[in-house]
Structure formats: structure tokens, C-alpha cells
């Protein structure tokens, strides 16, 4: 078993370059999947209060049999808990559910800009990091304007920005802006929007698109492995979700082959300008 390489964050911490996404798994299922993922080589586990599975993730961490310091656990504060004091209470509640002493990466799940409290939440994050309750702090679904405001009002940039990103939604400009600021980009839903999401006029699932199948056959890999390799080869950190032990092993086995320039170009050309699942300028997470 080989562990994934790591990405050095702007705070000096090391982020594994692939992780286990856990939405929408429930507690009982995720408590079984996390140890399987750890056995397959995963060290980054991604959850959120609003996923409703922090208790199960914590149980899975304890069942995994590896030292806590070897794992990189992420959770997120929800919109209804924005605000300085509310955020501090929310973290304590997440730590209690996870039964952990600290979080490796704490994210603001959505900016909820009309509520106008994400700066107060970010100030709480800065203090929580100083106190050692979280190792790294970051955001999710933040656009460049949201990042600019964080920097202008606090002087502290996130270590990570987790955004919806896959070959149909490549976000080249947003990624470049994050890179310019030294913010690592994590990709949620890195394989697309699930088996039931259709492309090519509603006739084809994303993993069945012919060009992906051709590239996969060329390398003796699955289409999912090709897509995940496309992510990591660009320095992105994908968070694929699977509860299947075989696919868990396949999804992390993406560091032993290389896509050539033509492969990368063809995968990137699948960008069709698909709309966000939700626009973070208007979406208000509860």
C-alpha cells in the first residue's frame, strides 16, 4: 500500500493529494467505509456538520487502527452557525461528535454573503487555529471576491478552497486566482454529479463519455482513474466518494501513471460551462 503524495499548504502543513468524500453516507455506513479507505491508503477524510455523519466518521477513525496524527480530518461550519461565538460553539460540537481533540482542516462551507457574517466566522477560525483546536483553516465555495474580502478585512488567507470542479466544470480562472494567492484547491464531486447525471444531450453518464473510455483503455485504467489523474496532475486535491472497497482502491491508485499532453487537452475540452450546483453569490446554506 502506497500513500498519496502531499501538497504543502501556505501554513506549512501537508495535505494528502487525494481524500475520501463522505457525503451522503450516513453514520453506520461511513463508520465501516473509513477503515476500508485507510487500509487502501487514504489519509484525508472529508466530512461536514451538514452531512450528518460526523459521529460515524469519528467512529471510523477510531476503528482504522492508525495513529490519529497520521490522518487529516476535515469538517465544515454550516451557514446557520456563522458568527464569531456561533462558530466557536459549532466547532466544539463537531469535536464532540467526532470525539477528536482537534480538526486538521476546518472550512466555512458556504460564504452566505447576504447574511454577511463570514468575516466574523473567519475571525473565529483564525483564533481557533492559534489555540490549536484546528491545524489549518480554509473555505469552500468561495469566489475571488469573497477571498479578497477575507484578505482585506483580516489579512489572513485560507490554506484551502474546496470548490465544485471536474472536467465539465474546469474553473480555469478561479483556480488560477487561488494559485496566485497560494491557496490549495480541493475538488468536490471530482467525478461529476453521480451516475444519474447525464451529458451529451441527456444520453450519456459522465464516466461513459467515449473520449474518457478511449484514454482509459490506452492506459489500462478506469475512466474514474483518468479523471482523478487529470485532477492531481494539475495540483488539485480531489475528494471522490465511494463505499465500494474495489473502487476505493482504484480511486487512490492514480499516482503510478501519467496522462500525456493530448490526454490532458482532451479531458479539459469536456468543459461545457455547466452551471454550479448552487451559486455561492446567492446560495444560503442552513
C-alpha atoms as a PDB file:
ATOM      1  CA  UNK A   1       0.000   0.000   0.000  1.00  0.00           C
ATOM      2  CA  UNK A   2       1.419   3.364  -1.071  1.00  0.00           C
ATOM      3  CA  UNK A   3       0.200   6.593   0.469  1.00  0.00           C
ATOM      4  CA  UNK A   4      -0.724   9.553  -1.689  1.00  0.00           C
ATOM      5  CA  UNK A   5       1.813  12.365  -2.013  1.00  0.00           C
ATOM      6  CA  UNK A   6       1.067  15.590  -0.170  1.00  0.00           C
ATOM      7  CA  UNK A   7       0.591  19.243  -1.087  1.00  0.00           C
ATOM      8  CA  UNK A   8       2.303  21.809   1.131  1.00  0.00           C
ATOM      9  CA  UNK A   9      -0.193  24.401   2.368  1.00  0.00           C
ATOM     10  CA  UNK A  10       0.552  28.088   2.890  1.00  0.00           C
ATOM     11  CA  UNK A  11       0.583  27.493   6.671  1.00  0.00           C
ATOM     12  CA  UNK A  12       3.274  24.818   6.359  1.00  0.00           C
ATOM     13  CA  UNK A  13       1.009  21.805   6.893  1.00  0.00           C
ATOM     14  CA  UNK A  14       0.931  18.897   4.433  1.00  0.00           C
ATOM     15  CA  UNK A  15      -2.384  17.976   2.761  1.00  0.00           C
ATOM     16  CA  UNK A  16      -2.723  14.491   1.214  1.00  0.00           C
ATOM     17  CA  UNK A  17      -3.396  14.931  -2.517  1.00  0.00           C
ATOM     18  CA  UNK A  18      -6.483  12.733  -2.602  1.00  0.00           C
ATOM     19  CA  UNK A  19      -9.151  12.225   0.013  1.00  0.00           C
ATOM     20  CA  UNK A  20     -12.318  10.350   0.830  1.00  0.00           C
ATOM     21  CA  UNK A  21     -15.526  12.293   0.305  1.00  0.00           C
ATOM     22  CA  UNK A  22     -18.258  11.107   2.674  1.00  0.00           C
ATOM     23  CA  UNK A  23     -21.462  12.823   1.529  1.00  0.00           C
ATOM     24  CA  UNK A  24     -24.180  11.421   1.502  1.00  0.00           C
ATOM     25  CA  UNK A  25     -23.107   8.422   3.610  1.00  0.00           C
ATOM     26  CA  UNK A  26     -24.841   8.039   6.947  1.00  0.00           C
ATOM     27  CA  UNK A  27     -23.130   7.275  10.268  1.00  0.00           C
ATOM     28  CA  UNK A  28     -23.332   3.475  10.194  1.00  0.00           C
ATOM     29  CA  UNK A  29     -22.070   3.197   6.626  1.00  0.00           C
ATOM     30  CA  UNK A  30     -19.272   5.736   6.924  1.00  0.00           C
ATOM     31  CA  UNK A  31     -18.022   4.103  10.148  1.00  0.00           C
ATOM     32  CA  UNK A  32     -17.346   0.989   8.045  1.00  0.00           C
ATOM     33  CA  UNK A  33     -16.026   2.775   4.957  1.00  0.00           C
ATOM     34  CA  UNK A  34     -13.428   4.961   6.681  1.00  0.00           C
ATOM     35  CA  UNK A  35     -11.351   1.985   7.944  1.00  0.00           C
ATOM     36  CA  UNK A  36     -11.523   0.413   4.450  1.00  0.00           C
ATOM     37  CA  UNK A  37     -10.328   3.682   2.940  1.00  0.00           C
ATOM     38  CA  UNK A  38      -7.489   3.994   5.444  1.00  0.00           C
ATOM     39  CA  UNK A  39      -6.434   0.410   4.694  1.00  0.00           C
ATOM     40  CA  UNK A  40      -6.369   1.333   0.987  1.00  0.00           C
ATOM     41  CA  UNK A  41      -4.028   4.263   1.695  1.00  0.00           C
ATOM     42  CA  UNK A  42      -6.320   7.247   2.249  1.00  0.00           C
ATOM     43  CA  UNK A  43      -5.270   9.670   4.943  1.00  0.00           C
ATOM     44  CA  UNK A  44      -7.559  12.623   4.143  1.00  0.00           C
ATOM     45  CA  UNK A  45     -11.174  12.215   5.300  1.00  0.00           C
ATOM     46  CA  UNK A  46     -13.696  14.934   4.418  1.00  0.00           C
ATOM     47  CA  UNK A  47     -16.941  15.470   6.315  1.00  0.00           C
ATOM     48  CA  UNK A  48     -19.191  18.383   7.367  1.00  0.00           C
ATOM     49  CA  UNK A  49     -21.729  19.095  10.055  1.00  0.00           C
ATOM     50  CA  UNK A  50     -24.429  19.295   7.391  1.00  0.00           C
ATOM     51  CA  UNK A  51     -23.527  15.850   6.032  1.00  0.00           C
ATOM     52  CA  UNK A  52     -24.949  14.435   9.264  1.00  0.00           C
ATOM     53  CA  UNK A  53     -22.184  11.831   9.565  1.00  0.00           C
ATOM     54  CA  UNK A  54     -19.518  13.335  11.834  1.00  0.00           C
ATOM     55  CA  UNK A  55     -20.269  10.733  14.524  1.00  0.00           C
ATOM     56  CA  UNK A  56     -19.723   7.918  12.041  1.00  0.00           C
ATOM     57  CA  UNK A  57     -16.546   9.474  10.669  1.00  0.00           C
ATOM     58  CA  UNK A  58     -15.142   9.715  14.182  1.00  0.00           C
ATOM     59  CA  UNK A  59     -16.026   6.083  14.835  1.00  0.00           C
ATOM     60  CA  UNK A  60     -14.358   5.100  11.562  1.00  0.00           C
ATOM     61  CA  UNK A  61     -11.206   6.989  12.536  1.00  0.00           C
ATOM     62  CA  UNK A  62     -11.030   5.067  15.803  1.00  0.00           C
ATOM     63  CA  UNK A  63     -11.640   1.748  14.039  1.00  0.00           C
ATOM     64  CA  UNK A  64      -8.980   2.471  11.413  1.00  0.00           C
ATOM     65  CA  UNK A  65      -6.144   1.256  13.624  1.00  0.00           C
ATOM     66  CA  UNK A  66      -3.724   4.013  12.636  1.00  0.00           C
ATOM     67  CA  UNK A  67      -2.391   6.773  14.840  1.00  0.00           C
ATOM     68  CA  UNK A  68      -4.545   9.909  14.891  1.00  0.00           C
ATOM     69  CA  UNK A  69      -1.565  12.006  13.771  1.00  0.00           C
ATOM     70  CA  UNK A  70      -1.448  10.053  10.506  1.00  0.00           C
ATOM     71  CA  UNK A  71      -4.940  11.182   9.483  1.00  0.00           C
ATOM     72  CA  UNK A  72      -6.080  14.523   8.097  1.00  0.00           C
ATOM     73  CA  UNK A  73      -9.705  15.091   9.110  1.00  0.00           C
ATOM     74  CA  UNK A  74     -11.742  17.918   7.589  1.00  0.00           C
ATOM     75  CA  UNK A  75     -15.110  19.250   8.711  1.00  0.00           C
ATOM     76  CA  UNK A  76     -17.103  22.405   7.954  1.00  0.00           C
ATOM     77  CA  UNK A  77     -19.144  25.026   9.753  1.00  0.00           C
ATOM     78  CA  UNK A  78     -22.673  25.440   8.303  1.00  0.00           C
ATOM     79  CA  UNK A  79     -24.381  28.671   7.364  1.00  0.00           C
ATOM     80  CA  UNK A  80     -26.675  28.706  10.393  1.00  0.00           C
ATOM     81  CA  UNK A  81     -23.622  28.808  12.657  1.00  0.00           C
ATOM     82  CA  UNK A  82     -21.927  31.813  11.050  1.00  0.00           C
ATOM     83  CA  UNK A  83     -20.741  34.446  13.507  1.00  0.00           C
ATOM     84  CA  UNK A  84     -17.795  34.567  15.927  1.00  0.00           C
ATOM     85  CA  UNK A  85     -19.363  32.969  19.001  1.00  0.00           C
ATOM     86  CA  UNK A  86     -21.617  30.668  16.976  1.00  0.00           C
ATOM     87  CA  UNK A  87     -18.613  29.301  15.063  1.00  0.00           C
ATOM     88  CA  UNK A  88     -16.671  28.559  18.232  1.00  0.00           C
ATOM     89  CA  UNK A  89     -19.654  26.662  19.662  1.00  0.00           C
ATOM     90  CA  UNK A  90     -20.130  24.811  16.382  1.00  0.00           C
ATOM     91  CA  UNK A  91     -16.539  23.583  16.389  1.00  0.00           C
ATOM     92  CA  UNK A  92     -16.858  22.323  19.957  1.00  0.00           C
ATOM     93  CA  UNK A  93     -19.996  20.406  18.943  1.00  0.00           C
ATOM     94  CA  UNK A  94     -18.229  18.914  15.909  1.00  0.00           C
ATOM     95  CA  UNK A  95     -15.257  17.864  18.041  1.00  0.00           C
ATOM     96  CA  UNK A  96     -17.656  16.192  20.481  1.00  0.00           C
ATOM     97  CA  UNK A  97     -19.413  14.265  17.722  1.00  0.00           C
ATOM     98  CA  UNK A  98     -16.116  13.226  16.140  1.00  0.00           C
ATOM     99  CA  UNK A  99     -14.590  12.553  19.582  1.00  0.00           C
ATOM    100  CA  UNK A 100     -11.398  14.260  18.469  1.00  0.00           C
ATOM    101  CA  UNK A 101      -9.172  16.777  20.233  1.00  0.00           C
ATOM    102  CA  UNK A 102      -8.535  18.836  17.102  1.00  0.00           C
ATOM    103  CA  UNK A 103      -9.546  19.189  13.443  1.00  0.00           C
ATOM    104  CA  UNK A 104      -6.852  19.117  10.766  1.00  0.00           C
ATOM    105  CA  UNK A 105      -8.779  21.379   8.381  1.00  0.00           C
ATOM    106  CA  UNK A 106     -11.811  23.493   9.252  1.00  0.00           C
ATOM    107  CA  UNK A 107     -13.756  25.060   6.374  1.00  0.00           C
ATOM    108  CA  UNK A 108     -16.506  27.658   6.016  1.00  0.00           C
ATOM    109  CA  UNK A 109     -18.919  25.517   3.991  1.00  0.00           C
ATOM    110  CA  UNK A 110     -20.553  28.393   2.048  1.00  0.00           C
ATOM    111  CA  UNK A 111     -19.998  32.159   2.256  1.00  0.00           C
ATOM    112  CA  UNK A 112     -23.721  33.016   2.653  1.00  0.00           C
ATOM    113  CA  UNK A 113     -22.926  36.587   1.563  1.00  0.00           C
ATOM    114  CA  UNK A 114     -26.379  38.073   2.140  1.00  0.00           C
ATOM    115  CA  UNK A 115     -26.134  37.081   5.808  1.00  0.00           C
ATOM    116  CA  UNK A 116     -22.833  38.940   5.958  1.00  0.00           C
ATOM    117  CA  UNK A 117     -21.210  37.005   8.800  1.00  0.00           C
ATOM    118  CA  UNK A 118     -18.469  35.058   7.072  1.00  0.00           C
ATOM    119  CA  UNK A 119     -15.851  37.616   8.123  1.00  0.00           C
ATOM    120  CA  UNK A 120     -16.836  37.138  11.776  1.00  0.00           C
ATOM    121  CA  UNK A 121     -16.667  33.391  11.226  1.00  0.00           C
ATOM    122  CA  UNK A 122     -13.228  33.748   9.654  1.00  0.00           C
ATOM    123  CA  UNK A 123     -12.007  35.764  12.652  1.00  0.00           C
ATOM    124  CA  UNK A 124     -13.125  32.864  14.862  1.00  0.00           C
ATOM    125  CA  UNK A 125     -11.243  30.454  12.583  1.00  0.00           C
ATOM    126  CA  UNK A 126      -8.047  32.490  12.973  1.00  0.00           C
ATOM    127  CA  UNK A 127      -8.324  32.366  16.750  1.00  0.00           C
ATOM    128  CA  UNK A 128      -9.210  28.652  16.780  1.00  0.00           C
ATOM    129  CA  UNK A 129      -6.078  27.925  14.772  1.00  0.00           C
ATOM    130  CA  UNK A 130      -3.961  29.958  17.188  1.00  0.00           C
ATOM    131  CA  UNK A 131      -5.470  27.977  20.073  1.00  0.00           C
ATOM    132  CA  UNK A 132      -4.618  24.637  18.428  1.00  0.00           C
ATOM    133  CA  UNK A 133      -8.179  23.406  18.055  1.00  0.00           C
ATOM    134  CA  UNK A 134      -7.691  23.339  14.286  1.00  0.00           C
ATOM    135  CA  UNK A 135      -4.434  22.859  12.390  1.00  0.00           C
ATOM    136  CA  UNK A 136      -5.395  24.528   9.096  1.00  0.00           C
ATOM    137  CA  UNK A 137      -8.252  26.836   8.156  1.00  0.00           C
ATOM    138  CA  UNK A 138      -9.955  27.247   4.820  1.00  0.00           C
ATOM    139  CA  UNK A 139     -13.127  27.853   2.898  1.00  0.00           C
ATOM    140  CA  UNK A 140     -15.453  26.100   0.493  1.00  0.00           C
ATOM    141  CA  UNK A 141     -17.332  27.526  -2.498  1.00  0.00           C
ATOM    142  CA  UNK A 142     -15.617  30.926  -2.175  1.00  0.00           C
ATOM    143  CA  UNK A 143     -15.248  33.065  -5.292  1.00  0.00           C
ATOM    144  CA  UNK A 144     -12.371  35.535  -5.825  1.00  0.00           C
ATOM    145  CA  UNK A 145     -14.423  38.449  -4.444  1.00  0.00           C
ATOM    146  CA  UNK A 146     -15.078  36.513  -1.224  1.00  0.00           C
ATOM    147  CA  UNK A 147     -11.372  35.713  -0.892  1.00  0.00           C
ATOM    148  CA  UNK A 148     -10.443  39.352  -1.491  1.00  0.00           C
ATOM    149  CA  UNK A 149     -12.711  40.445   1.322  1.00  0.00           C
ATOM    150  CA  UNK A 150     -11.179  37.932   3.744  1.00  0.00           C
ATOM    151  CA  UNK A 151      -7.725  39.266   2.968  1.00  0.00           C
ATOM    152  CA  UNK A 152      -8.735  42.933   3.099  1.00  0.00           C
ATOM    153  CA  UNK A 153     -10.528  42.644   6.446  1.00  0.00           C
ATOM    154  CA  UNK A 154      -8.339  40.132   8.309  1.00  0.00           C
ATOM    155  CA  UNK A 155      -5.013  39.904   6.480  1.00  0.00           C
ATOM    156  CA  UNK A 156      -5.232  36.104   6.628  1.00  0.00           C
ATOM    157  CA  UNK A 157      -5.785  33.937   3.546  1.00  0.00           C
ATOM    158  CA  UNK A 158      -7.297  30.439   3.611  1.00  0.00           C
ATOM    159  CA  UNK A 159      -4.981  27.474   3.225  1.00  0.00           C
ATOM    160  CA  UNK A 160      -7.592  25.661   1.110  1.00  0.00           C
ATOM    161  CA  UNK A 161     -10.598  26.482  -1.051  1.00  0.00           C
ATOM    162  CA  UNK A 162     -12.841  23.495  -1.783  1.00  0.00           C
ATOM    163  CA  UNK A 163     -14.939  24.038  -4.914  1.00  0.00           C
ATOM    164  CA  UNK A 164     -17.064  22.062  -7.344  1.00  0.00           C
ATOM    165  CA  UNK A 165     -14.618  21.047 -10.042  1.00  0.00           C
ATOM    166  CA  UNK A 166     -14.401  18.302 -12.648  1.00  0.00           C
ATOM    167  CA  UNK A 167     -13.706  18.164 -16.403  1.00  0.00           C
ATOM    168  CA  UNK A 168     -17.138  19.556 -17.350  1.00  0.00           C
ATOM    169  CA  UNK A 169     -16.610  22.466 -14.915  1.00  0.00           C
ATOM    170  CA  UNK A 170     -12.893  23.283 -15.003  1.00  0.00           C
ATOM    171  CA  UNK A 171     -12.957  26.789 -13.417  1.00  0.00           C
ATOM    172  CA  UNK A 172      -9.653  27.755 -15.004  1.00  0.00           C
ATOM    173  CA  UNK A 173      -9.816  31.419 -13.950  1.00  0.00           C
ATOM    174  CA  UNK A 174     -10.855  30.684 -10.371  1.00  0.00           C
ATOM    175  CA  UNK A 175      -8.146  28.069  -9.995  1.00  0.00           C
ATOM    176  CA  UNK A 176      -5.538  30.492 -11.329  1.00  0.00           C
ATOM    177  CA  UNK A 177      -6.636  33.144  -8.836  1.00  0.00           C
ATOM    178  CA  UNK A 178      -6.382  30.710  -5.925  1.00  0.00           C
ATOM    179  CA  UNK A 179      -2.960  29.599  -7.135  1.00  0.00           C
ATOM    180  CA  UNK A 180      -1.834  33.231  -7.381  1.00  0.00           C
ATOM    181  CA  UNK A 181      -2.804  33.715  -3.734  1.00  0.00           C
ATOM    182  CA  UNK A 182      -1.128  30.469  -2.645  1.00  0.00           C
ATOM    183  CA  UNK A 183      -4.411  28.724  -1.788  1.00  0.00           C
ATOM    184  CA  UNK A 184      -4.644  24.972  -2.460  1.00  0.00           C
ATOM    185  CA  UNK A 185      -7.743  23.896  -4.400  1.00  0.00           C
ATOM    186  CA  UNK A 186      -9.744  20.826  -3.411  1.00  0.00           C
ATOM    187  CA  UNK A 187     -12.266  19.402  -5.898  1.00  0.00           C
ATOM    188  CA  UNK A 188     -15.658  18.285  -4.619  1.00  0.00           C
ATOM    189  CA  UNK A 189     -17.652  15.940  -6.852  1.00  0.00           C
ATOM    190  CA  UNK A 190     -14.422  15.402  -8.845  1.00  0.00           C
ATOM    191  CA  UNK A 191     -16.002  12.647 -10.971  1.00  0.00           C
ATOM    192  CA  UNK A 192     -19.095  14.629 -11.904  1.00  0.00           C
ATOM    193  CA  UNK A 193     -22.510  14.717 -10.349  1.00  0.00           C
ATOM    194  CA  UNK A 194     -23.079  10.986  -9.967  1.00  0.00           C
ATOM    195  CA  UNK A 195     -24.111   8.078 -12.144  1.00  0.00           C
ATOM    196  CA  UNK A 196     -27.551   9.528 -12.797  1.00  0.00           C
ATOM    197  CA  UNK A 197     -26.284  12.871 -14.132  1.00  0.00           C
ATOM    198  CA  UNK A 198     -26.443  12.861 -17.915  1.00  0.00           C
ATOM    199  CA  UNK A 199     -24.317  14.561 -20.570  1.00  0.00           C
ATOM    200  CA  UNK A 200     -24.277  14.765 -24.339  1.00  0.00           C
ATOM    201  CA  UNK A 201     -27.889  15.881 -24.613  1.00  0.00           C
ATOM    202  CA  UNK A 202     -29.021  13.721 -21.728  1.00  0.00           C
ATOM    203  CA  UNK A 203     -27.909  10.395 -23.198  1.00  0.00           C
ATOM    204  CA  UNK A 204     -24.586   9.586 -21.541  1.00  0.00           C
ATOM    205  CA  UNK A 205     -23.298   9.400 -17.967  1.00  0.00           C
ATOM    206  CA  UNK A 206     -20.072  11.355 -17.488  1.00  0.00           C
ATOM    207  CA  UNK A 207     -17.947   8.269 -16.791  1.00  0.00           C
ATOM    208  CA  UNK A 208     -19.202   6.737 -20.055  1.00  0.00           C
ATOM    209  CA  UNK A 209     -18.175   9.588 -22.368  1.00  0.00           C
ATOM    210  CA  UNK A 210     -16.330   7.967 -25.299  1.00  0.00           C
ATOM    211  CA  UNK A 211     -13.167  10.076 -25.136  1.00  0.00           C
ATOM    212  CA  UNK A 212     -12.694   9.149 -21.464  1.00  0.00           C
ATOM    213  CA  UNK A 213     -13.161   5.478 -22.291  1.00  0.00           C
ATOM    214  CA  UNK A 214     -10.563   5.751 -25.064  1.00  0.00           C
ATOM    215  CA  UNK A 215      -7.985   7.382 -22.787  1.00  0.00           C
ATOM    216  CA  UNK A 216      -8.706   4.850 -20.044  1.00  0.00           C
ATOM    217  CA  UNK A 217      -8.207   1.949 -22.462  1.00  0.00           C
ATOM    218  CA  UNK A 218      -4.929   3.497 -23.651  1.00  0.00           C
ATOM    219  CA  UNK A 219      -3.549   3.482 -20.097  1.00  0.00           C
ATOM    220  CA  UNK A 220      -5.219   0.300 -18.862  1.00  0.00           C
ATOM    221  CA  UNK A 221      -7.161   2.291 -16.261  1.00  0.00           C
ATOM    222  CA  UNK A 222     -10.787   3.101 -15.475  1.00  0.00           C
ATOM    223  CA  UNK A 223     -12.415   6.340 -16.628  1.00  0.00           C
ATOM    224  CA  UNK A 224     -12.632   7.411 -12.974  1.00  0.00           C
ATOM    225  CA  UNK A 225      -8.877   6.928 -12.614  1.00  0.00           C
ATOM    226  CA  UNK A 226      -8.281   9.037 -15.729  1.00  0.00           C
ATOM    227  CA  UNK A 227     -10.391  11.882 -14.324  1.00  0.00           C
ATOM    228  CA  UNK A 228      -8.736  11.720 -10.914  1.00  0.00           C
ATOM    229  CA  UNK A 229      -5.309  11.680 -12.578  1.00  0.00           C
ATOM    230  CA  UNK A 230      -6.379  14.805 -14.511  1.00  0.00           C
ATOM    231  CA  UNK A 231      -7.033  16.475 -11.137  1.00  0.00           C
ATOM    232  CA  UNK A 232      -3.817  15.504  -9.369  1.00  0.00           C
ATOM    233  CA  UNK A 233      -1.635  16.184 -12.402  1.00  0.00           C
ATOM    234  CA  UNK A 234      -2.743  19.818 -12.157  1.00  0.00           C
ATOM    235  CA  UNK A 235      -2.008  20.035  -8.442  1.00  0.00           C
ATOM    236  CA  UNK A 236      -5.669  19.740  -7.438  1.00  0.00           C
ATOM    237  CA  UNK A 237      -6.845  17.639  -4.480  1.00  0.00           C
ATOM    238  CA  UNK A 238      -9.873  15.528  -5.468  1.00  0.00           C
ATOM    239  CA  UNK A 239     -12.290  14.083  -2.902  1.00  0.00           C
ATOM    240  CA  UNK A 240     -14.014  11.124  -4.575  1.00  0.00           C
ATOM    241  CA  UNK A 241     -16.755   9.370  -2.633  1.00  0.00           C
ATOM    242  CA  UNK A 242     -17.207   5.613  -2.743  1.00  0.00           C
ATOM    243  CA  UNK A 243     -18.452   2.957  -0.351  1.00  0.00           C
ATOM    244  CA  UNK A 244     -17.185   0.125  -2.581  1.00  0.00           C
ATOM    245  CA  UNK A 245     -13.851  -1.376  -1.498  1.00  0.00           C
ATOM    246  CA  UNK A 246     -12.721  -2.089  -5.074  1.00  0.00           C
ATOM    247  CA  UNK A 247     -13.469   1.453  -6.236  1.00  0.00           C
ATOM    248  CA  UNK A 248     -11.839   2.894  -3.116  1.00  0.00           C
ATOM    249  CA  UNK A 249      -8.636   1.100  -4.098  1.00  0.00           C
ATOM    250  CA  UNK A 250      -8.941   2.162  -7.744  1.00  0.00           C
ATOM    251  CA  UNK A 251      -9.600   5.806  -6.907  1.00  0.00           C
ATOM    252  CA  UNK A 252      -6.384   6.203  -4.938  1.00  0.00           C
ATOM    253  CA  UNK A 253      -4.319   4.280  -7.487  1.00  0.00           C
ATOM    254  CA  UNK A 254      -3.712   7.326  -9.686  1.00  0.00           C
ATOM    255  CA  UNK A 255      -0.078   8.110  -8.928  1.00  0.00           C
ATOM    256  CA  UNK A 256       1.530   5.332 -10.956  1.00  0.00           C
ATOM    257  CA  UNK A 257       0.719   6.600 -14.449  1.00  0.00           C
ATOM    258  CA  UNK A 258       0.865   9.865 -16.379  1.00  0.00           C
ATOM    259  CA  UNK A 259      -1.544  11.455 -18.838  1.00  0.00           C
ATOM    260  CA  UNK A 260       0.225  12.980 -21.829  1.00  0.00           C
ATOM    261  CA  UNK A 261      -0.442  16.497 -23.123  1.00  0.00           C
ATOM    262  CA  UNK A 262      -3.016  15.287 -25.642  1.00  0.00           C
ATOM    263  CA  UNK A 263      -4.865  13.300 -22.958  1.00  0.00           C
ATOM    264  CA  UNK A 264      -4.986  16.352 -20.710  1.00  0.00           C
ATOM    265  CA  UNK A 265      -6.185  18.564 -23.544  1.00  0.00           C
ATOM    266  CA  UNK A 266      -8.971  16.147 -24.478  1.00  0.00           C
ATOM    267  CA  UNK A 267     -10.190  15.816 -20.884  1.00  0.00           C
ATOM    268  CA  UNK A 268     -10.131  19.581 -20.328  1.00  0.00           C
ATOM    269  CA  UNK A 269     -12.042  20.073 -23.585  1.00  0.00           C
ATOM    270  CA  UNK A 270     -15.050  18.382 -21.954  1.00  0.00           C
ATOM    271  CA  UNK A 271     -15.787  21.673 -20.153  1.00  0.00           C
ATOM    272  CA  UNK A 272     -19.308  22.570 -21.288  1.00  0.00           C
ATOM    273  CA  UNK A 273     -19.869  25.521 -18.991  1.00  0.00           C
ATOM    274  CA  UNK A 274     -22.268  23.572 -16.799  1.00  0.00           C
ATOM    275  CA  UNK A 275     -23.939  25.641 -14.107  1.00  0.00           C
ATOM    276  CA  UNK A 276     -22.940  25.332 -10.477  1.00  0.00           C
ATOM    277  CA  UNK A 277     -24.942  23.071  -8.228  1.00  0.00           C
ATOM    278  CA  UNK A 278     -25.529  26.331  -6.370  1.00  0.00           C
ATOM    279  CA  UNK A 279     -24.169  29.839  -6.964  1.00  0.00           C
ATOM    280  CA  UNK A 280     -22.272  30.958  -3.874  1.00  0.00           C
ATOM    281  CA  UNK A 281     -23.179  34.601  -4.568  1.00  0.00           C
ATOM    282  CA  UNK A 282     -26.822  33.768  -3.855  1.00  0.00           C
ATOM    283  CA  UNK A 283     -26.958  30.344  -2.170  1.00  0.00           C
ATOM    284  CA  UNK A 284     -27.782  30.461   1.525  1.00  0.00           C
ATOM    285  CA  UNK A 285     -26.832  27.279   3.343  1.00  0.00           C
ATOM    286  CA  UNK A 286     -28.724  26.496   6.520  1.00  0.00           C
END
